Amino acid sequence: MILAKIRVSGAVQGVFFRESAMSEARQLGLNGFARNEADSSVYLEAEGGEENVRKFVDWCRKGPPMAKVENIDTELSDSLVYYKNFEMA
């Protein structure tokens, strides 16, 4: 189990990024959250099996069809939060 802390920048708010990320995370069996930030980025935390967390990070590099991801910063950790589900914050 690992935790990914992800910040996605670009045209990522108002394009269903959080909703799509929540759906993708749930399909991969991950827990965590996605929230819009004041700087127009989206911040996400996702934890679960390493392979599926890495798949989720890869998905975040593209996002949903209307998103234009310009940058992604990712930090992986084995310090878990033990989220109960994946939510939009």
PDB file of N, CA and C in Angstrom:
ATOM      1  N   MET A   1       0.849  -1.186   0.000  1.00  0.00           N
ATOM      2  CA  MET A   1       0.000   0.000   0.000  1.00  0.00           C
ATOM      3  C   MET A   1       0.889   1.242   0.000  1.00  0.00           C
ATOM      4  N   ILE A   2       0.493   2.203  -0.856  1.00  0.00           N
ATOM      5  CA  ILE A   2       1.201   3.477  -0.885  1.00  0.00           C
ATOM      6  C   ILE A   2       0.196   4.617  -0.995  1.00  0.00           C
ATOM      7  N   LEU A   3       0.683   5.813  -0.697  1.00  0.00           N
ATOM      8  CA  LEU A   3      -0.100   7.042  -0.789  1.00  0.00           C
ATOM      9  C   LEU A   3       0.548   7.940  -1.829  1.00  0.00           C
ATOM     10  N   ALA A   4      -0.254   8.471  -2.737  1.00  0.00           N
ATOM     11  CA  ALA A   4       0.224   9.461  -3.705  1.00  0.00           C
ATOM     12  C   ALA A   4      -0.407  10.801  -3.374  1.00  0.00           C
ATOM     13  N   LYS A   5       0.432  11.836  -3.301  1.00  0.00           N
ATOM     14  CA  LYS A   5      -0.024  13.219  -3.170  1.00  0.00           C
ATOM     15  C   LYS A   5       0.242  13.867  -4.522  1.00  0.00           C
ATOM     16  N   ILE A   6      -0.822  14.349  -5.152  1.00  0.00           N
ATOM     17  CA  ILE A   6      -0.751  14.776  -6.551  1.00  0.00           C
ATOM     18  C   ILE A   6      -1.305  16.191  -6.689  1.00  0.00           C
ATOM     19  N   ARG A   7      -0.563  17.059  -7.366  1.00  0.00           N
ATOM     20  CA  ARG A   7      -1.069  18.389  -7.712  1.00  0.00           C
ATOM     21  C   ARG A   7      -1.040  18.505  -9.235  1.00  0.00           C
ATOM     22  N   VAL A   8      -2.206  18.792  -9.809  1.00  0.00           N
ATOM     23  CA  VAL A   8      -2.348  18.885 -11.258  1.00  0.00           C
ATOM     24  C   VAL A   8      -2.666  20.335 -11.618  1.00  0.00           C
ATOM     25  N   SER A   9      -1.880  20.895 -12.531  1.00  0.00           N
ATOM     26  CA  SER A   9      -2.064  22.282 -12.957  1.00  0.00           C
ATOM     27  C   SER A   9      -2.424  22.338 -14.434  1.00  0.00           C
ATOM     28  N   GLY A  10      -3.044  23.439 -14.819  1.00  0.00           N
ATOM     29  CA  GLY A  10      -3.476  23.655 -16.196  1.00  0.00           C
ATOM     30  C   GLY A  10      -4.950  24.019 -16.192  1.00  0.00           C
ATOM     31  N   ALA A  11      -5.650  23.702 -17.260  1.00  0.00           N
ATOM     32  CA  ALA A  11      -7.097  23.908 -17.323  1.00  0.00           C
ATOM     33  C   ALA A  11      -7.751  22.663 -16.732  1.00  0.00           C
ATOM     34  N   VAL A  12      -7.788  22.618 -15.388  1.00  0.00           N
ATOM     35  CA  VAL A  12      -8.246  21.409 -14.699  1.00  0.00           C
ATOM     36  C   VAL A  12      -9.423  21.661 -13.756  1.00  0.00           C
ATOM     37  N   GLN A  13      -9.874  22.905 -13.654  1.00  0.00           N
ATOM     38  CA  GLN A  13     -11.072  23.192 -12.871  1.00  0.00           C
ATOM     39  C   GLN A  13     -12.203  23.541 -13.825  1.00  0.00           C
ATOM     40  N   GLY A  14     -13.409  23.112 -13.485  1.00  0.00           N
ATOM     41  CA  GLY A  14     -14.563  23.377 -14.339  1.00  0.00           C
ATOM     42  C   GLY A  14     -14.650  22.459 -15.545  1.00  0.00           C
ATOM     43  N   VAL A  15     -13.886  21.365 -15.526  1.00  0.00           N
ATOM     44  CA  VAL A  15     -13.880  20.410 -16.644  1.00  0.00           C
ATOM     45  C   VAL A  15     -14.139  18.980 -16.147  1.00  0.00           C
ATOM     46  N   PHE A  16     -14.733  18.876 -14.964  1.00  0.00           N
ATOM     47  CA  PHE A  16     -15.082  17.583 -14.358  1.00  0.00           C
ATOM     48  C   PHE A  16     -13.859  16.742 -13.992  1.00  0.00           C
ATOM     49  N   PHE A  17     -12.732  17.411 -13.691  1.00  0.00           N
ATOM     50  CA  PHE A  17     -11.527  16.664 -13.322  1.00  0.00           C
ATOM     51  C   PHE A  17     -11.752  15.893 -12.019  1.00  0.00           C
ATOM     52  N   ARG A  18     -12.268  16.575 -10.985  1.00  0.00           N
ATOM     53  CA  ARG A  18     -12.456  15.897  -9.692  1.00  0.00           C
ATOM     54  C   ARG A  18     -13.447  14.745  -9.797  1.00  0.00           C
ATOM     55  N   GLU A  19     -14.560  14.986 -10.489  1.00  0.00           N
ATOM     56  CA  GLU A  19     -15.574  13.945 -10.633  1.00  0.00           C
ATOM     57  C   GLU A  19     -15.011  12.739 -11.378  1.00  0.00           C
ATOM     58  N   SER A  20     -14.278  13.016 -12.452  1.00  0.00           N
ATOM     59  CA  SER A  20     -13.681  11.932 -13.237  1.00  0.00           C
ATOM     60  C   SER A  20     -12.604  11.208 -12.446  1.00  0.00           C
ATOM     61  N   ALA A  21     -11.823  11.960 -11.669  1.00  0.00           N
ATOM     62  CA  ALA A  21     -10.785  11.350 -10.833  1.00  0.00           C
ATOM     63  C   ALA A  21     -11.414  10.444  -9.782  1.00  0.00           C
ATOM     64  N   MET A  22     -12.523  10.891  -9.197  1.00  0.00           N
ATOM     65  CA  MET A  22     -13.205  10.077  -8.201  1.00  0.00           C
ATOM     66  C   MET A  22     -13.684   8.768  -8.821  1.00  0.00           C
ATOM     67  N   SER A  23     -14.259   8.842 -10.000  1.00  0.00           N
ATOM     68  CA  SER A  23     -14.724   7.640 -10.688  1.00  0.00           C
ATOM     69  C   SER A  23     -13.560   6.702 -10.997  1.00  0.00           C
ATOM     70  N   GLU A  24     -12.468   7.253 -11.514  1.00  0.00           N
ATOM     71  CA  GLU A  24     -11.290   6.449 -11.848  1.00  0.00           C
ATOM     72  C   GLU A  24     -10.709   5.794 -10.593  1.00  0.00           C
ATOM     73  N   ALA A  25     -10.591   6.567  -9.521  1.00  0.00           N
ATOM     74  CA  ALA A  25     -10.034   6.039  -8.272  1.00  0.00           C
ATOM     75  C   ALA A  25     -10.896   4.907  -7.724  1.00  0.00           C
ATOM     76  N   ARG A  26     -12.195   5.103  -7.757  1.00  0.00           N
ATOM     77  CA  ARG A  26     -13.090   4.059  -7.243  1.00  0.00           C
ATOM     78  C   ARG A  26     -12.994   2.793  -8.083  1.00  0.00           C
ATOM     79  N   GLN A  27     -12.868   2.943  -9.409  1.00  0.00           N
ATOM     80  CA  GLN A  27     -12.712   1.765 -10.273  1.00  0.00           C
ATOM     81  C   GLN A  27     -11.427   1.010  -9.950  1.00  0.00           C
ATOM     82  N   LEU A  28     -10.399   1.747  -9.532  1.00  0.00           N
ATOM     83  CA  LEU A  28      -9.115   1.132  -9.192  1.00  0.00           C
ATOM     84  C   LEU A  28      -9.054   0.670  -7.736  1.00  0.00           C
ATOM     85  N   GLY A  29     -10.127   0.899  -6.979  1.00  0.00           N
ATOM     86  CA  GLY A  29     -10.164   0.477  -5.583  1.00  0.00           C
ATOM     87  C   GLY A  29      -9.323   1.345  -4.665  1.00  0.00           C
ATOM     88  N   LEU A  30      -9.180   2.632  -5.011  1.00  0.00           N
ATOM     89  CA  LEU A  30      -8.362   3.545  -4.218  1.00  0.00           C
ATOM     90  C   LEU A  30      -9.231   4.414  -3.323  1.00  0.00           C
ATOM     91  N   ASN A  31      -8.653   4.878  -2.244  1.00  0.00           N
ATOM     92  CA  ASN A  31      -9.320   5.791  -1.325  1.00  0.00           C
ATOM     93  C   ASN A  31      -8.530   7.085  -1.250  1.00  0.00           C
ATOM     94  N   GLY A  32      -9.223   8.183  -0.926  1.00  0.00           N
ATOM     95  CA  GLY A  32      -8.566   9.478  -0.803  1.00  0.00           C
ATOM     96  C   GLY A  32      -9.533  10.598  -1.111  1.00  0.00           C
ATOM     97  N   PHE A  33      -9.031  11.662  -1.757  1.00  0.00           N
ATOM     98  CA  PHE A  33      -9.890  12.800  -2.078  1.00  0.00           C
ATOM     99  C   PHE A  33      -9.302  13.607  -3.229  1.00  0.00           C
ATOM    100  N   ALA A  34     -10.147  14.477  -3.785  1.00  0.00           N
ATOM    101  CA  ALA A  34      -9.742  15.443  -4.807  1.00  0.00           C
ATOM    102  C   ALA A  34     -10.387  16.768  -4.455  1.00  0.00           C
ATOM    103  N   ARG A  35      -9.603  17.855  -4.506  1.00  0.00           N
ATOM    104  CA  ARG A  35     -10.165  19.170  -4.196  1.00  0.00           C
ATOM    105  C   ARG A  35      -9.561  20.236  -5.107  1.00  0.00           C
ATOM    106  N   ASN A  36     -10.380  21.249  -5.399  1.00  0.00           N
ATOM    107  CA  ASN A  36      -9.914  22.414  -6.140  1.00  0.00           C
ATOM    108  C   ASN A  36      -9.118  23.302  -5.199  1.00  0.00           C
ATOM    109  N   GLU A  37      -8.053  23.902  -5.713  1.00  0.00           N
ATOM    110  CA  GLU A  37      -7.223  24.806  -4.941  1.00  0.00           C
ATOM    111  C   GLU A  37      -7.424  26.239  -5.440  1.00  0.00           C
ATOM    112  N   ALA A  38      -7.102  27.216  -4.607  1.00  0.00           N
ATOM    113  CA  ALA A  38      -7.271  28.626  -4.956  1.00  0.00           C
ATOM    114  C   ALA A  38      -6.417  29.034  -6.154  1.00  0.00           C
ATOM    115  N   ASP A  39      -5.304  28.338  -6.396  1.00  0.00           N
ATOM    116  CA  ASP A  39      -4.417  28.675  -7.518  1.00  0.00           C
ATOM    117  C   ASP A  39      -4.854  28.025  -8.834  1.00  0.00           C
ATOM    118  N   SER A  40      -6.071  27.491  -8.873  1.00  0.00           N
ATOM    119  CA  SER A  40      -6.680  26.849 -10.055  1.00  0.00           C
ATOM    120  C   SER A  40      -6.155  25.453 -10.340  1.00  0.00           C
ATOM    121  N   SER A  41      -5.358  24.896  -9.436  1.00  0.00           N
ATOM    122  CA  SER A  41      -4.904  23.511  -9.584  1.00  0.00           C
ATOM    123  C   SER A  41      -5.902  22.585  -8.900  1.00  0.00           C
ATOM    124  N   VAL A  42      -5.698  21.292  -9.082  1.00  0.00           N
ATOM    125  CA  VAL A  42      -6.461  20.280  -8.354  1.00  0.00           C
ATOM    126  C   VAL A  42      -5.458  19.475  -7.537  1.00  0.00           C
ATOM    127  N   TYR A  43      -5.761  19.306  -6.247  1.00  0.00           N
ATOM    128  CA  TYR A  43      -4.909  18.524  -5.357  1.00  0.00           C
ATOM    129  C   TYR A  43      -5.641  17.232  -5.024  1.00  0.00           C
ATOM    130  N   LEU A  44      -4.926  16.110  -5.140  1.00  0.00           N
ATOM    131  CA  LEU A  44      -5.526  14.804  -4.877  1.00  0.00           C
ATOM    132  C   LEU A  44      -4.610  13.996  -3.973  1.00  0.00           C
ATOM    133  N   GLU A  45      -5.200  13.157  -3.163  1.00  0.00           N
ATOM    134  CA  GLU A  45      -4.469  12.126  -2.441  1.00  0.00           C
ATOM    135  C   GLU A  45      -5.176  10.814  -2.727  1.00  0.00           C
ATOM    136  N   ALA A  46      -4.392   9.799  -3.045  1.00  0.00           N
ATOM    137  CA  ALA A  46      -4.954   8.481  -3.352  1.00  0.00           C
ATOM    138  C   ALA A  46      -4.064   7.423  -2.736  1.00  0.00           C
ATOM    139  N   GLU A  47      -4.690   6.478  -2.038  1.00  0.00           N
ATOM    140  CA  GLU A  47      -3.905   5.398  -1.447  1.00  0.00           C
ATOM    141  C   GLU A  47      -4.534   4.057  -1.775  1.00  0.00           C
ATOM    142  N   GLY A  48      -3.660   3.062  -1.864  1.00  0.00           N
ATOM    143  CA  GLY A  48      -4.084   1.711  -2.187  1.00  0.00           C
ATOM    144  C   GLY A  48      -2.886   0.917  -2.655  1.00  0.00           C
ATOM    145  N   GLY A  49      -3.148  -0.145  -3.403  1.00  0.00           N
ATOM    146  CA  GLY A  49      -2.075  -0.968  -3.937  1.00  0.00           C
ATOM    147  C   GLY A  49      -1.188  -0.169  -4.876  1.00  0.00           C
ATOM    148  N   GLU A  50       0.116  -0.445  -4.828  1.00  0.00           N
ATOM    149  CA  GLU A  50       1.074   0.358  -5.592  1.00  0.00           C
ATOM    150  C   GLU A  50       0.765   0.393  -7.086  1.00  0.00           C
ATOM    151  N   GLU A  51       0.443  -0.744  -7.671  1.00  0.00           N
ATOM    152  CA  GLU A  51       0.171  -0.784  -9.112  1.00  0.00           C
ATOM    153  C   GLU A  51      -1.002   0.122  -9.480  1.00  0.00           C
ATOM    154  N   ASN A  52      -2.081   0.064  -8.698  1.00  0.00           N
ATOM    155  CA  ASN A  52      -3.258   0.872  -9.015  1.00  0.00           C
ATOM    156  C   ASN A  52      -3.035   2.351  -8.716  1.00  0.00           C
ATOM    157  N   VAL A  53      -2.252   2.661  -7.692  1.00  0.00           N
ATOM    158  CA  VAL A  53      -1.921   4.064  -7.428  1.00  0.00           C
ATOM    159  C   VAL A  53      -1.126   4.626  -8.604  1.00  0.00           C
ATOM    160  N   ARG A  54      -0.180   3.851  -9.119  1.00  0.00           N
ATOM    161  CA  ARG A  54       0.610   4.316 -10.270  1.00  0.00           C
ATOM    162  C   ARG A  54      -0.268   4.477 -11.517  1.00  0.00           C
ATOM    163  N   LYS A  55      -1.249   3.594 -11.695  1.00  0.00           N
ATOM    164  CA  LYS A  55      -2.199   3.741 -12.806  1.00  0.00           C
ATOM    165  C   LYS A  55      -2.997   5.036 -12.655  1.00  0.00           C
ATOM    166  N   PHE A  56      -3.383   5.347 -11.426  1.00  0.00           N
ATOM    167  CA  PHE A  56      -4.139   6.570 -11.165  1.00  0.00           C
ATOM    168  C   PHE A  56      -3.290   7.808 -11.461  1.00  0.00           C
ATOM    169  N   VAL A  57      -2.044   7.791 -11.041  1.00  0.00           N
ATOM    170  CA  VAL A  57      -1.142   8.910 -11.338  1.00  0.00           C
ATOM    171  C   VAL A  57      -1.020   9.084 -12.851  1.00  0.00           C
ATOM    172  N   ASP A  58      -0.878   7.989 -13.571  1.00  0.00           N
ATOM    173  CA  ASP A  58      -0.812   8.062 -15.038  1.00  0.00           C
ATOM    174  C   ASP A  58      -2.092   8.663 -15.611  1.00  0.00           C
ATOM    175  N   TRP A  59      -3.250   8.271 -15.063  1.00  0.00           N
ATOM    176  CA  TRP A  59      -4.515   8.840 -15.519  1.00  0.00           C
ATOM    177  C   TRP A  59      -4.528  10.354 -15.280  1.00  0.00           C
ATOM    178  N   CYS A  60      -4.021  10.794 -14.129  1.00  0.00           N
ATOM    179  CA  CYS A  60      -4.010  12.222 -13.795  1.00  0.00           C
ATOM    180  C   CYS A  60      -3.157  13.029 -14.773  1.00  0.00           C
ATOM    181  N   ARG A  61      -2.190  12.401 -15.407  1.00  0.00           N
ATOM    182  CA  ARG A  61      -1.347  13.106 -16.383  1.00  0.00           C
ATOM    183  C   ARG A  61      -2.160  13.574 -17.595  1.00  0.00           C
ATOM    184  N   LYS A  62      -3.272  12.882 -17.873  1.00  0.00           N
ATOM    185  CA  LYS A  62      -4.152  13.244 -18.992  1.00  0.00           C
ATOM    186  C   LYS A  62      -5.442  13.870 -18.496  1.00  0.00           C
ATOM    187  N   GLY A  63      -6.054  13.255 -17.480  1.00  0.00           N
ATOM    188  CA  GLY A  63      -7.326  13.726 -16.968  1.00  0.00           C
ATOM    189  C   GLY A  63      -8.463  13.419 -17.921  1.00  0.00           C
ATOM    190  N   PRO A  64      -9.636  14.007 -17.662  1.00  0.00           N
ATOM    191  CA  PRO A  64     -10.791  13.787 -18.536  1.00  0.00           C
ATOM    192  C   PRO A  64     -10.612  14.534 -19.859  1.00  0.00           C
ATOM    193  N   PRO A  65     -11.455  14.240 -20.851  1.00  0.00           N
ATOM    194  CA  PRO A  65     -11.278  14.801 -22.200  1.00  0.00           C
ATOM    195  C   PRO A  65     -11.183  16.326 -22.271  1.00  0.00           C
ATOM    196  N   MET A  66     -11.939  17.056 -21.458  1.00  0.00           N
ATOM    197  CA  MET A  66     -11.932  18.522 -21.561  1.00  0.00           C
ATOM    198  C   MET A  66     -10.766  19.168 -20.815  1.00  0.00           C
ATOM    199  N   ALA A  67     -10.041  18.416 -20.008  1.00  0.00           N
ATOM    200  CA  ALA A  67      -8.919  18.976 -19.240  1.00  0.00           C
ATOM    201  C   ALA A  67      -7.701  19.179 -20.130  1.00  0.00           C
ATOM    202  N   LYS A  68      -6.918  20.177 -19.779  1.00  0.00           N
ATOM    203  CA  LYS A  68      -5.628  20.434 -20.433  1.00  0.00           C
ATOM    204  C   LYS A  68      -4.569  20.455 -19.332  1.00  0.00           C
ATOM    205  N   VAL A  69      -4.017  19.293 -19.027  1.00  0.00           N
ATOM    206  CA  VAL A  69      -3.014  19.182 -17.970  1.00  0.00           C
ATOM    207  C   VAL A  69      -1.699  19.757 -18.482  1.00  0.00           C
ATOM    208  N   GLU A  70      -1.166  20.734 -17.744  1.00  0.00           N
ATOM    209  CA  GLU A  70       0.113  21.346 -18.105  1.00  0.00           C
ATOM    210  C   GLU A  70       1.253  20.837 -17.234  1.00  0.00           C
ATOM    211  N   ASN A  71       0.949  20.511 -15.979  1.00  0.00           N
ATOM    212  CA  ASN A  71       1.992  20.066 -15.061  1.00  0.00           C
ATOM    213  C   ASN A  71       1.378  19.156 -14.003  1.00  0.00           C
ATOM    214  N   ILE A  72       2.165  18.194 -13.555  1.00  0.00           N
ATOM    215  CA  ILE A  72       1.730  17.320 -12.469  1.00  0.00           C
ATOM    216  C   ILE A  72       2.915  17.094 -11.538  1.00  0.00           C
ATOM    217  N   ASP A  73       2.690  17.336 -10.256  1.00  0.00           N
ATOM    218  CA  ASP A  73       3.693  17.069  -9.224  1.00  0.00           C
ATOM    219  C   ASP A  73       3.169  15.925  -8.373  1.00  0.00           C
ATOM    220  N   THR A  74       4.000  14.921  -8.172  1.00  0.00           N
ATOM    221  CA  THR A  74       3.575  13.728  -7.445  1.00  0.00           C
ATOM    222  C   THR A  74       4.600  13.367  -6.386  1.00  0.00           C
ATOM    223  N   GLU A  75       4.097  13.029  -5.211  1.00  0.00           N
ATOM    224  CA  GLU A  75       4.938  12.523  -4.130  1.00  0.00           C
ATOM    225  C   GLU A  75       4.342  11.192  -3.683  1.00  0.00           C
ATOM    226  N   LEU A  76       5.142  10.139  -3.697  1.00  0.00           N
ATOM    227  CA  LEU A  76       4.696   8.825  -3.235  1.00  0.00           C
ATOM    228  C   LEU A  76       5.264   8.563  -1.849  1.00  0.00           C
ATOM    229  N   SER A  77       4.452   7.933  -1.001  1.00  0.00           N
ATOM    230  CA  SER A  77       4.859   7.687   0.380  1.00  0.00           C
ATOM    231  C   SER A  77       4.256   6.376   0.865  1.00  0.00           C
ATOM    232  N   ASP A  78       4.930   5.762   1.825  1.00  0.00           N
ATOM    233  CA  ASP A  78       4.340   4.581   2.461  1.00  0.00           C
ATOM    234  C   ASP A  78       3.691   4.949   3.796  1.00  0.00           C
ATOM    235  N   SER A  79       3.614   6.247   4.109  1.00  0.00           N
ATOM    236  CA  SER A  79       2.901   6.729   5.298  1.00  0.00           C
ATOM    237  C   SER A  79       1.437   6.917   4.924  1.00  0.00           C
ATOM    238  N   LEU A  80       0.603   5.971   5.308  1.00  0.00           N
ATOM    239  CA  LEU A  80      -0.804   5.968   4.900  1.00  0.00           C
ATOM    240  C   LEU A  80      -1.681   6.775   5.842  1.00  0.00           C
ATOM    241  N   VAL A  81      -2.781   7.292   5.301  1.00  0.00           N
ATOM    242  CA  VAL A  81      -3.789   8.007   6.074  1.00  0.00           C
ATOM    243  C   VAL A  81      -4.939   7.066   6.434  1.00  0.00           C
ATOM    244  N   TYR A  82      -5.131   6.026   5.656  1.00  0.00           N
ATOM    245  CA  TYR A  82      -6.223   5.053   5.811  1.00  0.00           C
ATOM    246  C   TYR A  82      -7.589   5.699   5.581  1.00  0.00           C
ATOM    247  N   TYR A  83      -7.712   6.341   4.419  1.00  0.00           N
ATOM    248  CA  TYR A  83      -9.003   6.896   4.016  1.00  0.00           C
ATOM    249  C   TYR A  83     -10.011   5.759   3.880  1.00  0.00           C
ATOM    250  N   LYS A  84     -11.274   6.075   4.120  1.00  0.00           N
ATOM    251  CA  LYS A  84     -12.338   5.067   4.058  1.00  0.00           C
ATOM    252  C   LYS A  84     -12.911   4.913   2.648  1.00  0.00           C
ATOM    253  N   ASN A  85     -12.841   5.981   1.842  1.00  0.00           N
ATOM    254  CA  ASN A  85     -13.366   5.964   0.478  1.00  0.00           C
ATOM    255  C   ASN A  85     -12.705   7.090  -0.303  1.00  0.00           C
ATOM    256  N   PHE A  86     -13.149   7.334  -1.520  1.00  0.00           N
ATOM    257  CA  PHE A  86     -12.621   8.454  -2.308  1.00  0.00           C
ATOM    258  C   PHE A  86     -13.726   9.480  -2.455  1.00  0.00           C
ATOM    259  N   GLU A  87     -13.427  10.731  -2.096  1.00  0.00           N
ATOM    260  CA  GLU A  87     -14.432  11.785  -2.095  1.00  0.00           C
ATOM    261  C   GLU A  87     -13.912  13.041  -2.777  1.00  0.00           C
ATOM    262  N   MET A  88     -14.843  13.898  -3.161  1.00  0.00           N
ATOM    263  CA  MET A  88     -14.489  15.245  -3.604  1.00  0.00           C
ATOM    264  C   MET A  88     -14.555  16.147  -2.390  1.00  0.00           C
ATOM    265  N   ALA A  89     -13.514  16.915  -2.175  1.00  0.00           N
ATOM    266  CA  ALA A  89     -13.485  17.830  -1.023  1.00  0.00           C
ATOM    267  C   ALA A  89     -13.748  19.250  -1.489  1.00  0.00           C
TER     268      ALA A  89
END
